[in-house]
Amino acid sequence: MTRFPPIGEISSGTLRTEDLLDSFSWYLRRYGGAEYAALCDEAANVDPDSDEAADVLADLGEALNTIAAPYTYFGANEGDGSCFGFWPADLENFDELRVSDTSEIPDDYCGAVMHVNDHGNVTMYHADAGKLECLWSCV
């Protein structure tokens, strides 16, 4: 089972480069693994007041977006530019299977499934011939 970063904020209330470097690299190290160790080390050692720090911060943001769960993205919250995190993508245009109950998933279906319950909570699954893997959930 793949472990994705949780939906929600990872940094809020600050745009200080030093704070963002710390927060972004912590999540990347935790969820991105060894593949991103060099970038995380670079973030830990860069002068936050340098021009290079802005480039490293941009690289961290791109890397976090690559490890986001399917149908989510990493970035600033639409309503608060100093709140960064992992957010559901535009689910209005989701073109795979959408159900209100998981019993509606055909036994032989393979692919993405969006379950929206009667309270509006969303859970994204990957279905593989009767087996469901929860990718993320948003209440």
N, C-alpha and C. Protein backbone atom coordinates (compact mmCIF):
# COMPACT_ATOMS: atom_id res chain seq x y z
N MET A 1 0.84 -1.18 0.00
CA MET A 1 0.00 0.00 0.00
C MET A 1 0.88 1.25 0.00
N THR A 2 0.58 2.15 -0.88
CA THR A 2 1.33 3.40 -0.97
C THR A 2 0.83 4.37 0.09
N ARG A 3 1.75 5.03 0.75
CA ARG A 3 1.38 6.01 1.76
C ARG A 3 1.49 7.40 1.18
N PHE A 4 0.36 8.09 1.11
CA PHE A 4 0.34 9.45 0.59
C PHE A 4 0.24 10.44 1.74
N PRO A 5 0.68 11.68 1.51
CA PRO A 5 0.50 12.71 2.54
C PRO A 5 -0.99 12.93 2.78
N PRO A 6 -1.36 13.24 4.01
CA PRO A 6 -2.78 13.46 4.31
C PRO A 6 -3.30 14.74 3.66
N ILE A 7 -4.60 14.75 3.39
CA ILE A 7 -5.26 15.94 2.86
C ILE A 7 -5.28 17.00 3.96
N GLY A 8 -4.97 18.24 3.60
CA GLY A 8 -5.05 19.34 4.55
C GLY A 8 -3.76 20.14 4.58
N GLU A 9 -3.73 21.10 5.49
CA GLU A 9 -2.61 22.03 5.54
C GLU A 9 -1.37 21.41 6.14
N ILE A 10 -0.22 21.90 5.67
CA ILE A 10 1.05 21.51 6.26
C ILE A 10 1.79 22.73 6.79
N SER A 11 1.37 23.92 6.36
CA SER A 11 1.97 25.16 6.84
C SER A 11 0.95 26.27 6.67
N SER A 12 0.79 27.08 7.72
CA SER A 12 -0.15 28.20 7.59
C SER A 12 0.31 29.38 8.43
N GLY A 13 -0.18 30.54 8.05
CA GLY A 13 0.08 31.75 8.81
C GLY A 13 1.46 32.36 8.62
N THR A 14 2.23 31.83 7.66
CA THR A 14 3.55 32.40 7.43
C THR A 14 3.95 32.24 5.97
N LEU A 15 4.69 33.20 5.50
CA LEU A 15 5.31 33.11 4.18
C LEU A 15 6.82 33.25 4.31
N ARG A 16 7.31 33.14 5.56
CA ARG A 16 8.75 33.21 5.79
C ARG A 16 9.42 32.03 5.09
N THR A 17 10.40 32.31 4.27
CA THR A 17 11.09 31.27 3.50
C THR A 17 11.63 30.18 4.42
N GLU A 18 12.22 30.57 5.54
CA GLU A 18 12.80 29.61 6.47
C GLU A 18 11.73 28.63 6.98
N ASP A 19 10.55 29.15 7.32
CA ASP A 19 9.47 28.29 7.82
C ASP A 19 8.98 27.35 6.73
N LEU A 20 8.82 27.86 5.51
CA LEU A 20 8.33 27.04 4.41
C LEU A 20 9.34 25.96 4.02
N LEU A 21 10.61 26.31 4.01
CA LEU A 21 11.65 25.32 3.71
C LEU A 21 11.59 24.17 4.71
N ASP A 22 11.46 24.51 5.99
CA ASP A 22 11.39 23.48 7.04
C ASP A 22 10.17 22.59 6.88
N SER A 23 9.02 23.21 6.71
CA SER A 23 7.78 22.46 6.60
C SER A 23 7.73 21.60 5.34
N PHE A 24 8.05 22.20 4.21
CA PHE A 24 7.99 21.48 2.94
C PHE A 24 8.96 20.30 2.94
N SER A 25 10.18 20.54 3.42
CA SER A 25 11.18 19.47 3.39
C SER A 25 10.84 18.36 4.38
N TRP A 26 10.22 18.72 5.52
CA TRP A 26 9.82 17.69 6.48
C TRP A 26 8.80 16.73 5.83
N TYR A 27 7.80 17.27 5.17
CA TYR A 27 6.79 16.42 4.53
C TYR A 27 7.39 15.63 3.36
N LEU A 28 8.27 16.26 2.62
CA LEU A 28 8.88 15.56 1.49
C LEU A 28 9.75 14.41 1.98
N ARG A 29 10.50 14.64 3.03
CA ARG A 29 11.35 13.58 3.59
C ARG A 29 10.48 12.44 4.12
N ARG A 30 9.39 12.79 4.79
CA ARG A 30 8.53 11.76 5.40
C ARG A 30 7.77 10.94 4.37
N TYR A 31 7.25 11.60 3.35
CA TYR A 31 6.39 10.89 2.39
C TYR A 31 7.05 10.63 1.04
N GLY A 32 8.13 11.31 0.74
CA GLY A 32 8.78 11.12 -0.55
C GLY A 32 9.92 10.12 -0.52
N GLY A 33 10.45 9.89 0.65
CA GLY A 33 11.49 8.89 0.79
C GLY A 33 12.86 9.35 0.32
N ALA A 34 13.71 8.36 0.15
CA ALA A 34 15.12 8.59 -0.17
C ALA A 34 15.31 9.31 -1.50
N GLU A 35 14.37 9.16 -2.39
CA GLU A 35 14.47 9.80 -3.71
C GLU A 35 14.66 11.32 -3.59
N TYR A 36 14.14 11.90 -2.52
CA TYR A 36 14.19 13.35 -2.36
C TYR A 36 15.13 13.80 -1.25
N ALA A 37 15.97 12.90 -0.76
CA ALA A 37 16.86 13.23 0.36
C ALA A 37 17.81 14.39 0.02
N ALA A 38 18.36 14.38 -1.17
CA ALA A 38 19.31 15.44 -1.54
C ALA A 38 18.64 16.80 -1.56
N LEU A 39 17.42 16.87 -2.07
CA LEU A 39 16.68 18.13 -2.09
C LEU A 39 16.36 18.59 -0.68
N CYS A 40 15.98 17.68 0.18
CA CYS A 40 15.70 18.03 1.58
C CYS A 40 16.95 18.51 2.30
N ASP A 41 18.08 17.87 2.02
CA ASP A 41 19.34 18.31 2.60
C ASP A 41 19.71 19.71 2.10
N GLU A 42 19.47 19.95 0.82
CA GLU A 42 19.74 21.27 0.26
C GLU A 42 18.88 22.32 0.95
N ALA A 43 17.61 21.99 1.21
CA ALA A 43 16.71 22.93 1.89
C ALA A 43 17.19 23.23 3.31
N ALA A 44 17.75 22.23 3.96
CA ALA A 44 18.24 22.41 5.34
C ALA A 44 19.48 23.29 5.40
N ASN A 45 20.22 23.34 4.29
CA ASN A 45 21.51 24.04 4.31
C ASN A 45 21.53 25.36 3.54
N VAL A 46 20.46 25.69 2.84
CA VAL A 46 20.45 26.91 2.05
C VAL A 46 20.20 28.13 2.96
N ASP A 47 20.81 29.25 2.61
CA ASP A 47 20.56 30.49 3.33
C ASP A 47 19.16 30.97 2.95
N PRO A 48 18.23 31.04 3.91
CA PRO A 48 16.85 31.41 3.58
C PRO A 48 16.70 32.81 3.00
N ASP A 49 17.72 33.65 3.16
CA ASP A 49 17.66 35.00 2.61
C ASP A 49 18.28 35.11 1.23
N SER A 50 18.74 33.99 0.67
CA SER A 50 19.41 34.03 -0.64
C SER A 50 18.40 33.81 -1.77
N ASP A 51 18.83 34.18 -2.97
CA ASP A 51 18.02 33.92 -4.17
C ASP A 51 17.87 32.42 -4.40
N GLU A 52 18.89 31.67 -4.03
CA GLU A 52 18.87 30.22 -4.20
C GLU A 52 17.74 29.59 -3.38
N ALA A 53 17.43 30.18 -2.23
CA ALA A 53 16.38 29.63 -1.38
C ALA A 53 15.02 29.62 -2.08
N ALA A 54 14.75 30.64 -2.86
CA ALA A 54 13.49 30.69 -3.61
C ALA A 54 13.42 29.56 -4.63
N ASP A 55 14.56 29.25 -5.26
CA ASP A 55 14.60 28.14 -6.22
C ASP A 55 14.40 26.80 -5.52
N VAL A 56 15.04 26.63 -4.38
CA VAL A 56 14.89 25.39 -3.62
C VAL A 56 13.44 25.24 -3.15
N LEU A 57 12.85 26.32 -2.71
CA LEU A 57 11.46 26.28 -2.27
C LEU A 57 10.53 25.88 -3.43
N ALA A 58 10.78 26.43 -4.60
CA ALA A 58 9.99 26.05 -5.78
C ALA A 58 10.19 24.58 -6.12
N ASP A 59 11.41 24.09 -6.01
CA ASP A 59 11.69 22.67 -6.27
C ASP A 59 10.97 21.77 -5.25
N LEU A 60 10.96 22.20 -4.00
CA LEU A 60 10.23 21.45 -2.97
C LEU A 60 8.74 21.38 -3.30
N GLY A 61 8.18 22.50 -3.70
CA GLY A 61 6.76 22.54 -4.05
C GLY A 61 6.44 21.61 -5.21
N GLU A 62 7.30 21.60 -6.23
CA GLU A 62 7.09 20.69 -7.36
C GLU A 62 7.19 19.24 -6.93
N ALA A 63 8.17 18.95 -6.08
CA ALA A 63 8.35 17.58 -5.60
C ALA A 63 7.15 17.13 -4.76
N LEU A 64 6.65 18.03 -3.91
CA LEU A 64 5.47 17.69 -3.10
C LEU A 64 4.27 17.40 -3.98
N ASN A 65 4.15 18.13 -5.06
CA ASN A 65 3.05 17.89 -5.98
C ASN A 65 3.16 16.50 -6.62
N THR A 66 4.39 16.03 -6.85
CA THR A 66 4.56 14.71 -7.46
C THR A 66 4.22 13.57 -6.51
N ILE A 67 4.28 13.81 -5.20
CA ILE A 67 3.96 12.75 -4.24
C ILE A 67 2.52 12.85 -3.72
N ALA A 68 1.78 13.84 -4.20
CA ALA A 68 0.38 13.99 -3.78
C ALA A 68 -0.42 12.78 -4.24
N ALA A 69 -1.42 12.43 -3.46
CA ALA A 69 -2.29 11.31 -3.80
C ALA A 69 -3.03 11.60 -5.11
N PRO A 70 -3.44 10.56 -5.81
CA PRO A 70 -4.22 10.77 -7.04
C PRO A 70 -5.44 11.66 -6.78
N TYR A 71 -5.69 12.56 -7.71
CA TYR A 71 -6.81 13.49 -7.66
C TYR A 71 -6.67 14.51 -6.53
N THR A 72 -5.43 14.77 -6.15
CA THR A 72 -5.12 15.85 -5.21
C THR A 72 -3.93 16.62 -5.78
N TYR A 73 -3.65 17.76 -5.17
CA TYR A 73 -2.49 18.55 -5.57
C TYR A 73 -1.91 19.23 -4.35
N PHE A 74 -0.64 19.64 -4.46
CA PHE A 74 0.00 20.42 -3.41
C PHE A 74 0.02 21.87 -3.85
N GLY A 75 -0.31 22.78 -2.94
CA GLY A 75 -0.24 24.20 -3.24
C GLY A 75 -0.88 25.02 -2.15
N ALA A 76 -1.05 26.30 -2.45
CA ALA A 76 -1.69 27.22 -1.51
C ALA A 76 -3.20 27.00 -1.54
N ASN A 77 -3.82 27.21 -0.40
CA ASN A 77 -5.27 27.12 -0.30
C ASN A 77 -5.89 28.26 -1.10
N GLU A 78 -6.98 27.98 -1.78
CA GLU A 78 -7.62 29.01 -2.61
C GLU A 78 -7.99 30.26 -1.82
N GLY A 79 -8.41 30.10 -0.59
CA GLY A 79 -8.86 31.25 0.20
C GLY A 79 -7.79 31.89 1.06
N ASP A 80 -6.60 31.27 1.14
CA ASP A 80 -5.56 31.78 2.02
C ASP A 80 -4.20 31.44 1.42
N GLY A 81 -3.55 32.41 0.81
CA GLY A 81 -2.27 32.20 0.13
C GLY A 81 -1.13 31.84 1.05
N SER A 82 -1.30 31.96 2.38
CA SER A 82 -0.23 31.55 3.29
C SER A 82 -0.53 30.20 3.93
N CYS A 83 -1.51 29.50 3.40
CA CYS A 83 -1.87 28.17 3.89
C CYS A 83 -1.55 27.17 2.78
N PHE A 84 -0.50 26.38 3.00
CA PHE A 84 -0.06 25.40 2.01
C PHE A 84 -0.42 24.01 2.48
N GLY A 85 -0.76 23.16 1.53
CA GLY A 85 -1.09 21.79 1.89
C GLY A 85 -1.48 20.97 0.68
N PHE A 86 -2.07 19.83 0.97
CA PHE A 86 -2.54 18.90 -0.05
C PHE A 86 -4.06 19.01 -0.09
N TRP A 87 -4.59 19.25 -1.29
CA TRP A 87 -6.01 19.54 -1.45
C TRP A 87 -6.62 18.67 -2.56
N PRO A 88 -7.91 18.33 -2.42
CA PRO A 88 -8.57 17.61 -3.52
C PRO A 88 -8.55 18.46 -4.78
N ALA A 89 -8.36 17.78 -5.90
CA ALA A 89 -8.39 18.46 -7.20
C ALA A 89 -9.83 18.78 -7.56
N ASP A 90 -10.04 19.33 -8.72
CA ASP A 90 -11.39 19.65 -9.20
C ASP A 90 -12.17 18.36 -9.41
N LEU A 91 -12.91 17.97 -8.39
CA LEU A 91 -13.63 16.70 -8.44
C LEU A 91 -14.93 16.79 -9.23
N GLU A 92 -15.34 17.98 -9.59
CA GLU A 92 -16.54 18.14 -10.42
C GLU A 92 -16.33 17.48 -11.78
N ASN A 93 -15.08 17.46 -12.24
CA ASN A 93 -14.77 16.90 -13.55
C ASN A 93 -14.22 15.47 -13.47
N PHE A 94 -14.40 14.82 -12.33
CA PHE A 94 -13.95 13.43 -12.16
C PHE A 94 -14.73 12.56 -13.13
N ASP A 95 -14.02 11.85 -14.01
CA ASP A 95 -14.71 11.11 -15.06
C ASP A 95 -14.63 9.59 -14.92
N GLU A 96 -14.30 9.13 -13.72
CA GLU A 96 -14.30 7.69 -13.49
C GLU A 96 -15.53 7.36 -12.64
N LEU A 97 -15.54 6.23 -11.98
CA LEU A 97 -16.72 5.76 -11.26
C LEU A 97 -16.98 6.60 -10.00
N ARG A 98 -18.21 7.11 -9.89
CA ARG A 98 -18.63 7.88 -8.72
C ARG A 98 -19.83 7.14 -8.11
N VAL A 99 -19.75 6.86 -6.80
CA VAL A 99 -20.81 6.10 -6.13
C VAL A 99 -21.22 6.78 -4.83
N SER A 100 -22.43 6.48 -4.38
CA SER A 100 -22.89 6.98 -3.08
C SER A 100 -22.77 5.89 -2.01
N ASP A 101 -22.48 4.66 -2.44
CA ASP A 101 -22.27 3.54 -1.53
C ASP A 101 -21.30 2.58 -2.21
N THR A 102 -20.35 2.05 -1.46
CA THR A 102 -19.35 1.18 -2.08
C THR A 102 -19.96 -0.12 -2.61
N SER A 103 -21.15 -0.46 -2.18
CA SER A 103 -21.80 -1.66 -2.72
C SER A 103 -22.18 -1.48 -4.19
N GLU A 104 -22.15 -0.25 -4.68
CA GLU A 104 -22.47 0.04 -6.08
C GLU A 104 -21.31 -0.25 -7.03
N ILE A 105 -20.14 -0.58 -6.48
CA ILE A 105 -18.96 -0.83 -7.32
C ILE A 105 -19.06 -2.24 -7.89
N PRO A 106 -19.06 -2.37 -9.20
CA PRO A 106 -19.11 -3.71 -9.80
C PRO A 106 -17.92 -4.56 -9.35
N ASP A 107 -18.14 -5.84 -9.12
CA ASP A 107 -17.09 -6.74 -8.62
C ASP A 107 -15.88 -6.81 -9.53
N ASP A 108 -16.08 -6.62 -10.83
CA ASP A 108 -14.97 -6.75 -11.77
C ASP A 108 -14.36 -5.40 -12.17
N TYR A 109 -14.78 -4.32 -11.51
CA TYR A 109 -14.30 -2.98 -11.87
C TYR A 109 -12.86 -2.78 -11.40
N CYS A 110 -12.04 -2.19 -12.28
CA CYS A 110 -10.67 -1.81 -11.94
C CYS A 110 -10.50 -0.33 -12.31
N GLY A 111 -10.10 0.46 -11.36
CA GLY A 111 -9.88 1.88 -11.61
C GLY A 111 -10.20 2.71 -10.39
N ALA A 112 -10.26 4.02 -10.60
CA ALA A 112 -10.54 4.96 -9.52
C ALA A 112 -12.03 5.00 -9.21
N VAL A 113 -12.32 5.13 -7.93
CA VAL A 113 -13.71 5.23 -7.47
C VAL A 113 -13.79 6.39 -6.48
N MET A 114 -14.73 7.30 -6.72
CA MET A 114 -14.98 8.37 -5.77
C MET A 114 -16.29 8.05 -5.05
N HIS A 115 -16.20 7.87 -3.75
CA HIS A 115 -17.37 7.62 -2.92
C HIS A 115 -17.73 8.92 -2.20
N VAL A 116 -18.92 9.42 -2.47
CA VAL A 116 -19.42 10.62 -1.81
C VAL A 116 -20.62 10.18 -0.98
N ASN A 117 -20.51 10.28 0.35
CA ASN A 117 -21.61 9.82 1.18
C ASN A 117 -22.69 10.89 1.31
N ASP A 118 -23.75 10.57 2.03
CA ASP A 118 -24.89 11.48 2.14
C ASP A 118 -24.58 12.76 2.91
N HIS A 119 -23.42 12.83 3.55
CA HIS A 119 -22.99 14.04 4.27
C HIS A 119 -22.04 14.88 3.42
N GLY A 120 -21.70 14.39 2.23
CA GLY A 120 -20.77 15.11 1.36
C GLY A 120 -19.31 14.77 1.56
N ASN A 121 -19.02 13.83 2.47
CA ASN A 121 -17.64 13.40 2.67
C ASN A 121 -17.18 12.61 1.45
N VAL A 122 -15.93 12.77 1.06
CA VAL A 122 -15.40 12.13 -0.13
C VAL A 122 -14.27 11.19 0.26
N THR A 123 -14.33 9.97 -0.27
CA THR A 123 -13.23 9.01 -0.13
C THR A 123 -12.87 8.54 -1.53
N MET A 124 -11.59 8.58 -1.84
CA MET A 124 -11.11 8.13 -3.13
C MET A 124 -10.47 6.76 -2.95
N TYR A 125 -10.91 5.82 -3.77
CA TYR A 125 -10.39 4.45 -3.73
C TYR A 125 -9.76 4.09 -5.06
N HIS A 126 -8.92 3.09 -5.00
CA HIS A 126 -8.50 2.38 -6.21
C HIS A 126 -9.12 0.99 -6.09
N ALA A 127 -9.94 0.63 -7.07
CA ALA A 127 -10.59 -0.69 -7.08
C ALA A 127 -9.83 -1.60 -8.03
N ASP A 128 -9.68 -2.83 -7.59
CA ASP A 128 -9.03 -3.84 -8.43
C ASP A 128 -9.78 -5.16 -8.26
N ALA A 129 -10.79 -5.36 -9.12
CA ALA A 129 -11.58 -6.60 -9.15
C ALA A 129 -12.06 -7.02 -7.76
N GLY A 130 -12.80 -6.13 -7.11
CA GLY A 130 -13.39 -6.46 -5.82
C GLY A 130 -12.59 -6.03 -4.61
N LYS A 131 -11.36 -5.63 -4.80
CA LYS A 131 -10.53 -5.17 -3.67
C LYS A 131 -10.43 -3.66 -3.74
N LEU A 132 -10.65 -3.00 -2.61
CA LEU A 132 -10.58 -1.54 -2.55
C LEU A 132 -9.39 -1.11 -1.71
N GLU A 133 -8.63 -0.16 -2.24
CA GLU A 133 -7.57 0.48 -1.49
C GLU A 133 -7.95 1.94 -1.33
N CYS A 134 -8.07 2.39 -0.08
CA CYS A 134 -8.38 3.79 0.19
C CYS A 134 -7.15 4.63 -0.09
N LEU A 135 -7.28 5.59 -1.00
CA LEU A 135 -6.18 6.48 -1.32
C LEU A 135 -6.18 7.71 -0.42
N TRP A 136 -7.36 8.26 -0.18
CA TRP A 136 -7.49 9.40 0.72
C TRP A 136 -8.97 9.63 1.04
N SER A 137 -9.18 10.38 2.10
CA SER A 137 -10.53 10.71 2.53
C SER A 137 -10.55 12.14 3.01
N CYS A 138 -11.66 12.81 2.74
CA CYS A 138 -11.79 14.21 3.12
C CYS A 138 -13.18 14.42 3.71
N VAL A 139 -13.20 14.83 4.96
CA VAL A 139 -14.47 15.04 5.66
C VAL A 139 -14.86 16.50 5.57
